[in-house]
Amino acid sequence: MIIVCGLKGRHSSPGGSVFPAVQNLLLAARALGLGASIFQLALSPAVIEELGVPDEYQAYCSIPVGYPLDRAGPVRRRPVRQVAFKDRWGESWDFAEGQPEQGLQDEYSAGGAE
């Protein structure tokens, strides 16, 4: 279990520099075959006190990490044209329309273009 903390009042947007690091941690865990996800229910004041987190720190989230019982397999994502729009929701964006239906996973995955 990883508890992600940061100094209170350190940034204008609390967690603004913390959550990009959390995303990188989640991606690294997956690359290593580990399962991990953001979890906030364990951040009660009692848990924070039990862990001895100093008062000048804020706990943003906890991340349980472990080996999954099943194999996750490849990540499946919808095509860019279904999730990226120009100016307004649902309006076509030339860049998104030009992306391959299966995304770029073949180009950037192991065994892809060298």
PDB file of N, CA and C in Angstrom:
ATOM      1  N   MET A   1       0.854  -1.169   0.000  1.00  0.00           N
ATOM      2  CA  MET A   1       0.000   0.000   0.000  1.00  0.00           C
ATOM      3  C   MET A   1       0.896   1.226   0.000  1.00  0.00           C
ATOM      4  N   ILE A   2       0.636   2.103  -0.932  1.00  0.00           N
ATOM      5  CA  ILE A   2       1.387   3.355  -1.028  1.00  0.00           C
ATOM      6  C   ILE A   2       0.445   4.490  -0.671  1.00  0.00           C
ATOM      7  N   ILE A   3       0.849   5.340   0.260  1.00  0.00           N
ATOM      8  CA  ILE A   3       0.073   6.527   0.611  1.00  0.00           C
ATOM      9  C   ILE A   3       0.786   7.720  -0.013  1.00  0.00           C
ATOM     10  N   VAL A   4       0.086   8.444  -0.874  1.00  0.00           N
ATOM     11  CA  VAL A   4       0.671   9.570  -1.600  1.00  0.00           C
ATOM     12  C   VAL A   4       0.381  10.848  -0.832  1.00  0.00           C
ATOM     13  N   CYS A   5       1.439  11.559  -0.441  1.00  0.00           N
ATOM     14  CA  CYS A   5       1.301  12.770   0.371  1.00  0.00           C
ATOM     15  C   CYS A   5       2.052  13.932  -0.261  1.00  0.00           C
ATOM     16  N   GLY A   6       1.669  15.139   0.137  1.00  0.00           N
ATOM     17  CA  GLY A   6       2.370  16.347  -0.291  1.00  0.00           C
ATOM     18  C   GLY A   6       2.225  17.405   0.780  1.00  0.00           C
ATOM     19  N   LEU A   7       3.131  18.369   0.774  1.00  0.00           N
ATOM     20  CA  LEU A   7       3.076  19.460   1.743  1.00  0.00           C
ATOM     21  C   LEU A   7       1.820  20.297   1.539  1.00  0.00           C
ATOM     22  N   LYS A   8       1.131  20.622   2.614  1.00  0.00           N
ATOM     23  CA  LYS A   8      -0.052  21.487   2.527  1.00  0.00           C
ATOM     24  C   LYS A   8       0.382  22.882   2.100  1.00  0.00           C
ATOM     25  N   GLY A   9      -0.401  23.519   1.240  1.00  0.00           N
ATOM     26  CA  GLY A   9      -0.142  24.884   0.823  1.00  0.00           C
ATOM     27  C   GLY A   9       1.085  25.056  -0.061  1.00  0.00           C
ATOM     28  N   ARG A  10       1.653  23.989  -0.526  1.00  0.00           N
ATOM     29  CA  ARG A  10       2.874  24.060  -1.340  1.00  0.00           C
ATOM     30  C   ARG A  10       2.577  24.512  -2.769  1.00  0.00           C
ATOM     31  N   HIS A  11       1.439  24.164  -3.294  1.00  0.00           N
ATOM     32  CA  HIS A  11       1.095  24.457  -4.680  1.00  0.00           C
ATOM     33  C   HIS A  11      -0.248  25.171  -4.741  1.00  0.00           C
ATOM     34  N   SER A  12      -0.447  25.927  -5.826  1.00  0.00           N
ATOM     35  CA  SER A  12      -1.718  26.627  -5.980  1.00  0.00           C
ATOM     36  C   SER A  12      -2.868  25.668  -6.269  1.00  0.00           C
ATOM     37  N   SER A  13      -2.555  24.521  -6.857  1.00  0.00           N
ATOM     38  CA  SER A  13      -3.586  23.512  -7.093  1.00  0.00           C
ATOM     39  C   SER A  13      -3.172  22.237  -6.344  1.00  0.00           C
ATOM     40  N   PRO A  14      -3.771  22.013  -5.188  1.00  0.00           N
ATOM     41  CA  PRO A  14      -3.382  20.839  -4.410  1.00  0.00           C
ATOM     42  C   PRO A  14      -3.442  19.562  -5.239  1.00  0.00           C
ATOM     43  N   GLY A  15      -2.380  18.819  -5.201  1.00  0.00           N
ATOM     44  CA  GLY A  15      -2.333  17.572  -5.943  1.00  0.00           C
ATOM     45  C   GLY A  15      -1.924  17.724  -7.390  1.00  0.00           C
ATOM     46  N   GLY A  16      -1.757  18.977  -7.859  1.00  0.00           N
ATOM     47  CA  GLY A  16      -1.447  19.216  -9.264  1.00  0.00           C
ATOM     48  C   GLY A  16      -0.170  18.548  -9.730  1.00  0.00           C
ATOM     49  N   SER A  17       0.815  18.458  -8.856  1.00  0.00           N
ATOM     50  CA  SER A  17       2.048  17.780  -9.255  1.00  0.00           C
ATOM     51  C   SER A  17       2.080  16.346  -8.742  1.00  0.00           C
ATOM     52  N   VAL A  18       1.142  16.011  -7.868  1.00  0.00           N
ATOM     53  CA  VAL A  18       1.106  14.672  -7.286  1.00  0.00           C
ATOM     54  C   VAL A  18       0.462  13.669  -8.244  1.00  0.00           C
ATOM     55  N   PHE A  19      -0.660  14.016  -8.836  1.00  0.00           N
ATOM     56  CA  PHE A  19      -1.390  13.044  -9.644  1.00  0.00           C
ATOM     57  C   PHE A  19      -0.709  12.665 -10.959  1.00  0.00           C
ATOM     58  N   PRO A  20       0.077  13.553 -11.599  1.00  0.00           N
ATOM     59  CA  PRO A  20       0.872  13.047 -12.726  1.00  0.00           C
ATOM     60  C   PRO A  20       1.876  11.972 -12.278  1.00  0.00           C
ATOM     61  N   ALA A  21       2.454  12.144 -11.092  1.00  0.00           N
ATOM     62  CA  ALA A  21       3.361  11.122 -10.564  1.00  0.00           C
ATOM     63  C   ALA A  21       2.607   9.833 -10.260  1.00  0.00           C
ATOM     64  N   VAL A  22       1.389   9.957  -9.748  1.00  0.00           N
ATOM     65  CA  VAL A  22       0.562   8.780  -9.475  1.00  0.00           C
ATOM     66  C   VAL A  22       0.266   8.037 -10.780  1.00  0.00           C
ATOM     67  N   GLN A  23      -0.056   8.778 -11.829  1.00  0.00           N
ATOM     68  CA  GLN A  23      -0.321   8.138 -13.116  1.00  0.00           C
ATOM     69  C   GLN A  23       0.912   7.366 -13.588  1.00  0.00           C
ATOM     70  N   ASN A  24       2.085   7.969 -13.469  1.00  0.00           N
ATOM     71  CA  ASN A  24       3.309   7.278 -13.874  1.00  0.00           C
ATOM     72  C   ASN A  24       3.534   6.024 -13.030  1.00  0.00           C
ATOM     73  N   LEU A  25       3.233   6.095 -11.749  1.00  0.00           N
ATOM     74  CA  LEU A  25       3.364   4.930 -10.888  1.00  0.00           C
ATOM     75  C   LEU A  25       2.419   3.820 -11.342  1.00  0.00           C
ATOM     76  N   LEU A  26       1.184   4.170 -11.670  1.00  0.00           N
ATOM     77  CA  LEU A  26       0.217   3.170 -12.131  1.00  0.00           C
ATOM     78  C   LEU A  26       0.664   2.525 -13.443  1.00  0.00           C
ATOM     79  N   LEU A  27       1.204   3.332 -14.357  1.00  0.00           N
ATOM     80  CA  LEU A  27       1.690   2.790 -15.624  1.00  0.00           C
ATOM     81  C   LEU A  27       2.894   1.873 -15.404  1.00  0.00           C
ATOM     82  N   ALA A  28       3.792   2.273 -14.512  1.00  0.00           N
ATOM     83  CA  ALA A  28       4.964   1.449 -14.220  1.00  0.00           C
ATOM     84  C   ALA A  28       4.552   0.135 -13.567  1.00  0.00           C
ATOM     85  N   ALA A  29       3.583   0.188 -12.662  1.00  0.00           N
ATOM     86  CA  ALA A  29       3.103  -1.037 -12.016  1.00  0.00           C
ATOM     87  C   ALA A  29       2.551  -1.995 -13.061  1.00  0.00           C
ATOM     88  N   ARG A  30       1.755  -1.488 -13.968  1.00  0.00           N
ATOM     89  CA  ARG A  30       1.182  -2.350 -15.013  1.00  0.00           C
ATOM     90  C   ARG A  30       2.275  -2.962 -15.871  1.00  0.00           C
ATOM     91  N   ALA A  31       3.280  -2.163 -16.223  1.00  0.00           N
ATOM     92  CA  ALA A  31       4.387  -2.660 -17.051  1.00  0.00           C
ATOM     93  C   ALA A  31       5.145  -3.786 -16.343  1.00  0.00           C
ATOM     94  N   LEU A  32       5.125  -3.775 -15.015  1.00  0.00           N
ATOM     95  CA  LEU A  32       5.797  -4.814 -14.233  1.00  0.00           C
ATOM     96  C   LEU A  32       4.881  -5.998 -13.919  1.00  0.00           C
ATOM     97  N   GLY A  33       3.664  -5.956 -14.448  1.00  0.00           N
ATOM     98  CA  GLY A  33       2.724  -7.049 -14.212  1.00  0.00           C
ATOM     99  C   GLY A  33       1.978  -6.939 -12.904  1.00  0.00           C
ATOM    100  N   LEU A  34       2.011  -5.767 -12.288  1.00  0.00           N
ATOM    101  CA  LEU A  34       1.319  -5.548 -11.015  1.00  0.00           C
ATOM    102  C   LEU A  34      -0.033  -4.883 -11.254  1.00  0.00           C
ATOM    103  N   GLY A  35      -0.940  -5.106 -10.339  1.00  0.00           N
ATOM    104  CA  GLY A  35      -2.211  -4.411 -10.362  1.00  0.00           C
ATOM    105  C   GLY A  35      -2.150  -3.274  -9.363  1.00  0.00           C
ATOM    106  N   ALA A  36      -2.711  -2.129  -9.699  1.00  0.00           N
ATOM    107  CA  ALA A  36      -2.722  -0.975  -8.802  1.00  0.00           C
ATOM    108  C   ALA A  36      -3.856  -0.053  -9.216  1.00  0.00           C
ATOM    109  N   SER A  37      -4.392   0.679  -8.245  1.00  0.00           N
ATOM    110  CA  SER A  37      -5.429   1.659  -8.561  1.00  0.00           C
ATOM    111  C   SER A  37      -5.478   2.710  -7.462  1.00  0.00           C
ATOM    112  N   ILE A  38      -6.056   3.862  -7.802  1.00  0.00           N
ATOM    113  CA  ILE A  38      -6.207   4.933  -6.824  1.00  0.00           C
ATOM    114  C   ILE A  38      -7.382   4.597  -5.915  1.00  0.00           C
ATOM    115  N   PHE A  39      -7.173   4.774  -4.627  1.00  0.00           N
ATOM    116  CA  PHE A  39      -8.192   4.436  -3.631  1.00  0.00           C
ATOM    117  C   PHE A  39      -8.177   5.520  -2.576  1.00  0.00           C
ATOM    118  N   GLN A  40      -9.331   6.071  -2.220  1.00  0.00           N
ATOM    119  CA  GLN A  40      -9.348   7.158  -1.245  1.00  0.00           C
ATOM    120  C   GLN A  40     -10.056   6.834   0.063  1.00  0.00           C
ATOM    121  N   LEU A  41     -10.768   5.750   0.140  1.00  0.00           N
ATOM    122  CA  LEU A  41     -11.514   5.454   1.362  1.00  0.00           C
ATOM    123  C   LEU A  41     -10.611   5.254   2.573  1.00  0.00           C
ATOM    124  N   ALA A  42      -9.382   4.836   2.358  1.00  0.00           N
ATOM    125  CA  ALA A  42      -8.471   4.566   3.469  1.00  0.00           C
ATOM    126  C   ALA A  42      -7.835   5.834   4.031  1.00  0.00           C
ATOM    127  N   LEU A  43      -8.232   7.008   3.543  1.00  0.00           N
ATOM    128  CA  LEU A  43      -7.597   8.245   3.976  1.00  0.00           C
ATOM    129  C   LEU A  43      -8.335   8.933   5.117  1.00  0.00           C
ATOM    130  N   SER A  44      -8.988   8.176   5.955  1.00  0.00           N
ATOM    131  CA  SER A  44      -9.688   8.759   7.094  1.00  0.00           C
ATOM    132  C   SER A  44      -8.665   9.352   8.056  1.00  0.00           C
ATOM    133  N   PRO A  45      -9.072  10.326   8.858  1.00  0.00           N
ATOM    134  CA  PRO A  45      -8.145  10.912   9.831  1.00  0.00           C
ATOM    135  C   PRO A  45      -7.513   9.858  10.757  1.00  0.00           C
ATOM    136  N   ALA A  46      -8.268   8.836  11.098  1.00  0.00           N
ATOM    137  CA  ALA A  46      -7.726   7.787  11.967  1.00  0.00           C
ATOM    138  C   ALA A  46      -6.567   7.046  11.305  1.00  0.00           C
ATOM    139  N   VAL A  47      -6.701   6.765  10.020  1.00  0.00           N
ATOM    140  CA  VAL A  47      -5.633   6.067   9.288  1.00  0.00           C
ATOM    141  C   VAL A  47      -4.418   6.974   9.155  1.00  0.00           C
ATOM    142  N   ILE A  48      -4.633   8.237   8.837  1.00  0.00           N
ATOM    143  CA  ILE A  48      -3.534   9.197   8.699  1.00  0.00           C
ATOM    144  C   ILE A  48      -2.789   9.323  10.021  1.00  0.00           C
ATOM    145  N   GLU A  49      -3.528   9.382  11.099  1.00  0.00           N
ATOM    146  CA  GLU A  49      -2.910   9.462  12.426  1.00  0.00           C
ATOM    147  C   GLU A  49      -2.126   8.186  12.742  1.00  0.00           C
ATOM    148  N   GLU A  50      -2.703   7.045  12.443  1.00  0.00           N
ATOM    149  CA  GLU A  50      -2.041   5.762  12.705  1.00  0.00           C
ATOM    150  C   GLU A  50      -0.729   5.642  11.928  1.00  0.00           C
ATOM    151  N   LEU A  51      -0.695   6.195  10.720  1.00  0.00           N
ATOM    152  CA  LEU A  51       0.514   6.154   9.902  1.00  0.00           C
ATOM    153  C   LEU A  51       1.555   7.186  10.330  1.00  0.00           C
ATOM    154  N   GLY A  52       1.153   8.129  11.154  1.00  0.00           N
ATOM    155  CA  GLY A  52       2.090   9.152  11.636  1.00  0.00           C
ATOM    156  C   GLY A  52       2.413  10.222  10.612  1.00  0.00           C
ATOM    157  N   VAL A  53       1.489  10.479   9.676  1.00  0.00           N
ATOM    158  CA  VAL A  53       1.712  11.532   8.683  1.00  0.00           C
ATOM    159  C   VAL A  53       1.720  12.882   9.410  1.00  0.00           C
ATOM    160  N   PRO A  54       2.814  13.653   9.280  1.00  0.00           N
ATOM    161  CA  PRO A  54       2.891  14.946   9.981  1.00  0.00           C
ATOM    162  C   PRO A  54       1.769  15.891   9.563  1.00  0.00           C
ATOM    163  N   ASP A  55       1.394  16.795  10.447  1.00  0.00           N
ATOM    164  CA  ASP A  55       0.296  17.733  10.205  1.00  0.00           C
ATOM    165  C   ASP A  55       0.521  18.627   8.990  1.00  0.00           C
ATOM    166  N   GLU A  56       1.771  18.926   8.656  1.00  0.00           N
ATOM    167  CA  GLU A  56       2.032  19.810   7.515  1.00  0.00           C
ATOM    168  C   GLU A  56       1.893  19.110   6.161  1.00  0.00           C
ATOM    169  N   TYR A  57       1.561  17.812   6.177  1.00  0.00           N
ATOM    170  CA  TYR A  57       1.353  17.051   4.949  1.00  0.00           C
ATOM    171  C   TYR A  57      -0.109  16.693   4.765  1.00  0.00           C
ATOM    172  N   GLN A  58      -0.508  16.594   3.516  1.00  0.00           N
ATOM    173  CA  GLN A  58      -1.852  16.167   3.159  1.00  0.00           C
ATOM    174  C   GLN A  58      -1.747  14.849   2.414  1.00  0.00           C
ATOM    175  N   ALA A  59      -2.573  13.893   2.783  1.00  0.00           N
ATOM    176  CA  ALA A  59      -2.623  12.620   2.053  1.00  0.00           C
ATOM    177  C   ALA A  59      -3.631  12.768   0.928  1.00  0.00           C
ATOM    178  N   TYR A  60      -3.196  12.511  -0.297  1.00  0.00           N
ATOM    179  CA  TYR A  60      -4.065  12.667  -1.459  1.00  0.00           C
ATOM    180  C   TYR A  60      -4.791  11.383  -1.833  1.00  0.00           C
ATOM    181  N   CYS A  61      -4.097  10.269  -1.740  1.00  0.00           N
ATOM    182  CA  CYS A  61      -4.725   9.006  -2.079  1.00  0.00           C
ATOM    183  C   CYS A  61      -3.848   7.858  -1.587  1.00  0.00           C
ATOM    184  N   SER A  62      -4.425   6.682  -1.608  1.00  0.00           N
ATOM    185  CA  SER A  62      -3.642   5.479  -1.342  1.00  0.00           C
ATOM    186  C   SER A  62      -3.701   4.623  -2.599  1.00  0.00           C
ATOM    187  N   ILE A  63      -2.660   3.827  -2.780  1.00  0.00           N
ATOM    188  CA  ILE A  63      -2.569   2.978  -3.965  1.00  0.00           C
ATOM    189  C   ILE A  63      -2.234   1.562  -3.519  1.00  0.00           C
ATOM    190  N   PRO A  64      -3.230   0.688  -3.468  1.00  0.00           N
ATOM    191  CA  PRO A  64      -2.910  -0.717  -3.206  1.00  0.00           C
ATOM    192  C   PRO A  64      -2.213  -1.307  -4.432  1.00  0.00           C
ATOM    193  N   VAL A  65      -1.159  -2.056  -4.213  1.00  0.00           N
ATOM    194  CA  VAL A  65      -0.374  -2.646  -5.296  1.00  0.00           C
ATOM    195  C   VAL A  65      -0.199  -4.127  -5.013  1.00  0.00           C
ATOM    196  N   GLY A  66      -0.387  -4.954  -6.025  1.00  0.00           N
ATOM    197  CA  GLY A  66      -0.183  -6.382  -5.837  1.00  0.00           C
ATOM    198  C   GLY A  66      -0.263  -7.130  -7.147  1.00  0.00           C
ATOM    199  N   TYR A  67      -0.044  -8.419  -7.067  1.00  0.00           N
ATOM    200  CA  TYR A  67      -0.130  -9.254  -8.259  1.00  0.00           C
ATOM    201  C   TYR A  67      -1.577  -9.679  -8.478  1.00  0.00           C
ATOM    202  N   PRO A  68      -2.126  -9.414  -9.664  1.00  0.00           N
ATOM    203  CA  PRO A  68      -3.520  -9.789  -9.934  1.00  0.00           C
ATOM    204  C   PRO A  68      -3.667 -11.307 -10.053  1.00  0.00           C
ATOM    205  N   LEU A  69      -4.864 -11.790  -9.767  1.00  0.00           N
ATOM    206  CA  LEU A  69      -5.147 -13.213  -9.882  1.00  0.00           C
ATOM    207  C   LEU A  69      -5.298 -13.650 -11.330  1.00  0.00           C
ATOM    208  N   ASP A  70      -5.657 -12.717 -12.200  1.00  0.00           N
ATOM    209  CA  ASP A  70      -5.807 -13.045 -13.612  1.00  0.00           C
ATOM    210  C   ASP A  70      -4.841 -12.202 -14.427  1.00  0.00           C
ATOM    211  N   ARG A  71      -4.775 -12.449 -15.698  1.00  0.00           N
ATOM    212  CA  ARG A  71      -3.911 -11.663 -16.576  1.00  0.00           C
ATOM    213  C   ARG A  71      -4.750 -10.561 -17.194  1.00  0.00           C
ATOM    214  N   ALA A  72      -4.268  -9.349 -17.082  1.00  0.00           N
ATOM    215  CA  ALA A  72      -5.028  -8.200 -17.568  1.00  0.00           C
ATOM    216  C   ALA A  72      -5.101  -8.150 -19.089  1.00  0.00           C
ATOM    217  N   GLY A  73      -4.064  -8.586 -19.765  1.00  0.00           N
ATOM    218  CA  GLY A  73      -4.061  -8.532 -21.220  1.00  0.00           C
ATOM    219  C   GLY A  73      -3.824  -7.124 -21.723  1.00  0.00           C
ATOM    220  N   PRO A  74      -3.895  -6.948 -23.017  1.00  0.00           N
ATOM    221  CA  PRO A  74      -3.616  -5.627 -23.579  1.00  0.00           C
ATOM    222  C   PRO A  74      -4.709  -4.623 -23.217  1.00  0.00           C
ATOM    223  N   VAL A  75      -4.306  -3.373 -23.124  1.00  0.00           N
ATOM    224  CA  VAL A  75      -5.265  -2.304 -22.852  1.00  0.00           C
ATOM    225  C   VAL A  75      -6.096  -2.085 -24.101  1.00  0.00           C
ATOM    226  N   ARG A  76      -7.398  -1.983 -23.931  1.00  0.00           N
ATOM    227  CA  ARG A  76      -8.284  -1.721 -25.064  1.00  0.00           C
ATOM    228  C   ARG A  76      -8.833  -0.293 -24.928  1.00  0.00           C
ATOM    229  N   ARG A  77      -8.653   0.452 -25.973  1.00  0.00           N
ATOM    230  CA  ARG A  77      -9.121   1.835 -25.963  1.00  0.00           C
ATOM    231  C   ARG A  77      -9.995   2.089 -27.190  1.00  0.00           C
ATOM    232  N   ARG A  78     -10.923   3.025 -27.028  1.00  0.00           N
ATOM    233  CA  ARG A  78     -11.751   3.418 -28.170  1.00  0.00           C
ATOM    234  C   ARG A  78     -10.903   4.250 -29.134  1.00  0.00           C
ATOM    235  N   PRO A  79     -11.238   4.245 -30.413  1.00  0.00           N
ATOM    236  CA  PRO A  79     -10.497   5.054 -31.382  1.00  0.00           C
ATOM    237  C   PRO A  79     -10.543   6.538 -31.013  1.00  0.00           C
ATOM    238  N   VAL A  80      -9.462   7.252 -31.328  1.00  0.00           N
ATOM    239  CA  VAL A  80      -9.346   8.670 -30.992  1.00  0.00           C
ATOM    240  C   VAL A  80     -10.549   9.456 -31.503  1.00  0.00           C
ATOM    241  N   ARG A  81     -11.008   9.142 -32.697  1.00  0.00           N
ATOM    242  CA  ARG A  81     -12.119   9.927 -33.279  1.00  0.00           C
ATOM    243  C   ARG A  81     -13.406   9.811 -32.457  1.00  0.00           C
ATOM    244  N   GLN A  82     -13.495   8.800 -31.603  1.00  0.00           N
ATOM    245  CA  GLN A  82     -14.687   8.647 -30.759  1.00  0.00           C
ATOM    246  C   GLN A  82     -14.588   9.424 -29.450  1.00  0.00           C
ATOM    247  N   VAL A  83     -13.390   9.895 -29.107  1.00  0.00           N
ATOM    248  CA  VAL A  83     -13.228  10.547 -27.804  1.00  0.00           C
ATOM    249  C   VAL A  83     -12.595  11.933 -27.863  1.00  0.00           C
ATOM    250  N   ALA A  84     -12.121  12.363 -29.041  1.00  0.00           N
ATOM    251  CA  ALA A  84     -11.493  13.676 -29.175  1.00  0.00           C
ATOM    252  C   ALA A  84     -12.247  14.498 -30.226  1.00  0.00           C
ATOM    253  N   PHE A  85     -12.628  15.708 -29.842  1.00  0.00           N
ATOM    254  CA  PHE A  85     -13.442  16.542 -30.722  1.00  0.00           C
ATOM    255  C   PHE A  85     -12.845  17.937 -30.830  1.00  0.00           C
ATOM    256  N   LYS A  86     -13.319  18.719 -31.789  1.00  0.00           N
ATOM    257  CA  LYS A  86     -12.846  20.085 -31.986  1.00  0.00           C
ATOM    258  C   LYS A  86     -13.976  21.066 -31.671  1.00  0.00           C
ATOM    259  N   ASP A  87     -13.676  22.013 -30.833  1.00  0.00           N
ATOM    260  CA  ASP A  87     -14.574  23.101 -30.446  1.00  0.00           C
ATOM    261  C   ASP A  87     -15.756  22.670 -29.582  1.00  0.00           C
ATOM    262  N   ARG A  88     -16.476  21.623 -29.979  1.00  0.00           N
ATOM    263  CA  ARG A  88     -17.645  21.172 -29.224  1.00  0.00           C
ATOM    264  C   ARG A  88     -17.712  19.651 -29.238  1.00  0.00           C
ATOM    265  N   TRP A  89     -18.333  19.111 -28.229  1.00  0.00           N
ATOM    266  CA  TRP A  89     -18.522  17.656 -28.132  1.00  0.00           C
ATOM    267  C   TRP A  89     -19.205  17.142 -29.403  1.00  0.00           C
ATOM    268  N   GLY A  90     -18.638  16.107 -29.982  1.00  0.00           N
ATOM    269  CA  GLY A  90     -19.238  15.473 -31.143  1.00  0.00           C
ATOM    270  C   GLY A  90     -18.841  16.066 -32.485  1.00  0.00           C
ATOM    271  N   GLU A  91     -18.150  17.224 -32.476  1.00  0.00           N
ATOM    272  CA  GLU A  91     -17.730  17.825 -33.741  1.00  0.00           C
ATOM    273  C   GLU A  91     -16.402  17.219 -34.172  1.00  0.00           C
ATOM    274  N   SER A  92     -16.357  16.794 -35.418  1.00  0.00           N
ATOM    275  CA  SER A  92     -15.187  16.122 -35.982  1.00  0.00           C
ATOM    276  C   SER A  92     -13.937  16.987 -35.871  1.00  0.00           C
ATOM    277  N   TRP A  93     -12.802  16.337 -35.599  1.00  0.00           N
ATOM    278  CA  TRP A  93     -11.494  16.984 -35.556  1.00  0.00           C
ATOM    279  C   TRP A  93     -10.627  16.276 -36.589  1.00  0.00           C
ATOM    280  N   ASP A  94     -10.097  17.017 -37.542  1.00  0.00           N
ATOM    281  CA  ASP A  94      -9.330  16.415 -38.637  1.00  0.00           C
ATOM    282  C   ASP A  94      -8.211  15.507 -38.134  1.00  0.00           C
ATOM    283  N   PHE A  95      -7.479  15.950 -37.119  1.00  0.00           N
ATOM    284  CA  PHE A  95      -6.384  15.133 -36.587  1.00  0.00           C
ATOM    285  C   PHE A  95      -6.911  13.789 -36.086  1.00  0.00           C
ATOM    286  N   ALA A  96      -7.974  13.826 -35.305  1.00  0.00           N
ATOM    287  CA  ALA A  96      -8.537  12.586 -34.748  1.00  0.00           C
ATOM    288  C   ALA A  96      -9.070  11.681 -35.852  1.00  0.00           C
ATOM    289  N   GLU A  97      -9.687  12.266 -36.854  1.00  0.00           N
ATOM    290  CA  GLU A  97     -10.233  11.478 -37.957  1.00  0.00           C
ATOM    291  C   GLU A  97      -9.128  10.762 -38.729  1.00  0.00           C
ATOM    292  N   GLY A  98      -7.919  11.337 -38.731  1.00  0.00           N
ATOM    293  CA  GLY A  98      -6.810  10.755 -39.465  1.00  0.00           C
ATOM    294  C   GLY A  98      -6.058   9.662 -38.717  1.00  0.00           C
ATOM    295  N   GLN A  99      -6.444   9.390 -37.469  1.00  0.00           N
ATOM    296  CA  GLN A  99      -5.746   8.373 -36.685  1.00  0.00           C
ATOM    297  C   GLN A  99      -6.261   6.977 -37.022  1.00  0.00           C
ATOM    298  N   PRO A 100      -5.380   5.969 -36.971  1.00  0.00           N
ATOM    299  CA  PRO A 100      -5.818   4.604 -37.293  1.00  0.00           C
ATOM    300  C   PRO A 100      -6.856   4.099 -36.292  1.00  0.00           C
ATOM    301  N   GLU A 101      -7.776   3.300 -36.781  1.00  0.00           N
ATOM    302  CA  GLU A 101      -8.865   2.760 -35.957  1.00  0.00           C
ATOM    303  C   GLU A 101      -8.330   2.015 -34.733  1.00  0.00           C
ATOM    304  N   GLN A 102      -7.245   1.256 -34.898  1.00  0.00           N
ATOM    305  CA  GLN A 102      -6.698   0.455 -33.800  1.00  0.00           C
ATOM    306  C   GLN A 102      -5.718   1.259 -32.956  1.00  0.00           C
ATOM    307  N   GLY A 103      -5.539   2.557 -33.227  1.00  0.00           N
ATOM    308  CA  GLY A 103      -4.599   3.376 -32.478  1.00  0.00           C
ATOM    309  C   GLY A 103      -3.172   3.092 -32.918  1.00  0.00           C
ATOM    310  N   LEU A 104      -2.223   3.467 -32.086  1.00  0.00           N
ATOM    311  CA  LEU A 104      -0.811   3.306 -32.425  1.00  0.00           C
ATOM    312  C   LEU A 104      -0.167   2.173 -31.638  1.00  0.00           C
ATOM    313  N   GLN A 105      -0.978   1.304 -31.035  1.00  0.00           N
ATOM    314  CA  GLN A 105      -0.436   0.254 -30.180  1.00  0.00           C
ATOM    315  C   GLN A 105       0.527  -0.663 -30.919  1.00  0.00           C
ATOM    316  N   ASP A 106       0.271  -0.976 -32.180  1.00  0.00           N
ATOM    317  CA  ASP A 106       1.167  -1.846 -32.925  1.00  0.00           C
ATOM    318  C   ASP A 106       2.527  -1.181 -33.154  1.00  0.00           C
ATOM    319  N   GLU A 107       2.504   0.125 -33.348  1.00  0.00           N
ATOM    320  CA  GLU A 107       3.748   0.848 -33.600  1.00  0.00           C
ATOM    321  C   GLU A 107       4.625   0.945 -32.360  1.00  0.00           C
ATOM    322  N   TYR A 108       4.013   1.038 -31.179  1.00  0.00           N
ATOM    323  CA  TYR A 108       4.775   1.288 -29.955  1.00  0.00           C
ATOM    324  C   TYR A 108       4.854   0.092 -29.014  1.00  0.00           C
ATOM    325  N   SER A 109       4.254  -1.024 -29.343  1.00  0.00           N
ATOM    326  CA  SER A 109       4.304  -2.182 -28.450  1.00  0.00           C
ATOM    327  C   SER A 109       5.524  -3.033 -28.776  1.00  0.00           C
ATOM    328  N   ALA A 110       5.861  -3.934 -27.861  1.00  0.00           N
ATOM    329  CA  ALA A 110       6.997  -4.829 -28.076  1.00  0.00           C
ATOM    330  C   ALA A 110       6.774  -5.607 -29.363  1.00  0.00           C
ATOM    331  N   GLY A 111       7.783  -5.688 -30.173  1.00  0.00           N
ATOM    332  CA  GLY A 111       7.673  -6.400 -31.423  1.00  0.00           C
ATOM    333  C   GLY A 111       7.152  -5.545 -32.561  1.00  0.00           C
ATOM    334  N   GLY A 112       6.862  -4.260 -32.253  1.00  0.00           N
ATOM    335  CA  GLY A 112       6.372  -3.352 -33.285  1.00  0.00           C
ATOM    336  C   GLY A 112       7.525  -2.813 -34.117  1.00  0.00           C
ATOM    337  N   ALA A 113       7.332  -1.661 -34.684  1.00  0.00           N
ATOM    338  CA  ALA A 113       8.353  -1.057 -35.552  1.00  0.00           C
ATOM    339  C   ALA A 113       9.649  -0.870 -34.776  1.00  0.00           C
ATOM    340  N   GLU A 114      10.738  -1.142 -35.429  1.00  0.00           N
ATOM    341  CA  GLU A 114      12.047  -0.989 -34.782  1.00  0.00           C
ATOM    342  C   GLU A 114      12.853   0.073 -35.470  1.00  0.00           C
TER     343      GLU A 114
END
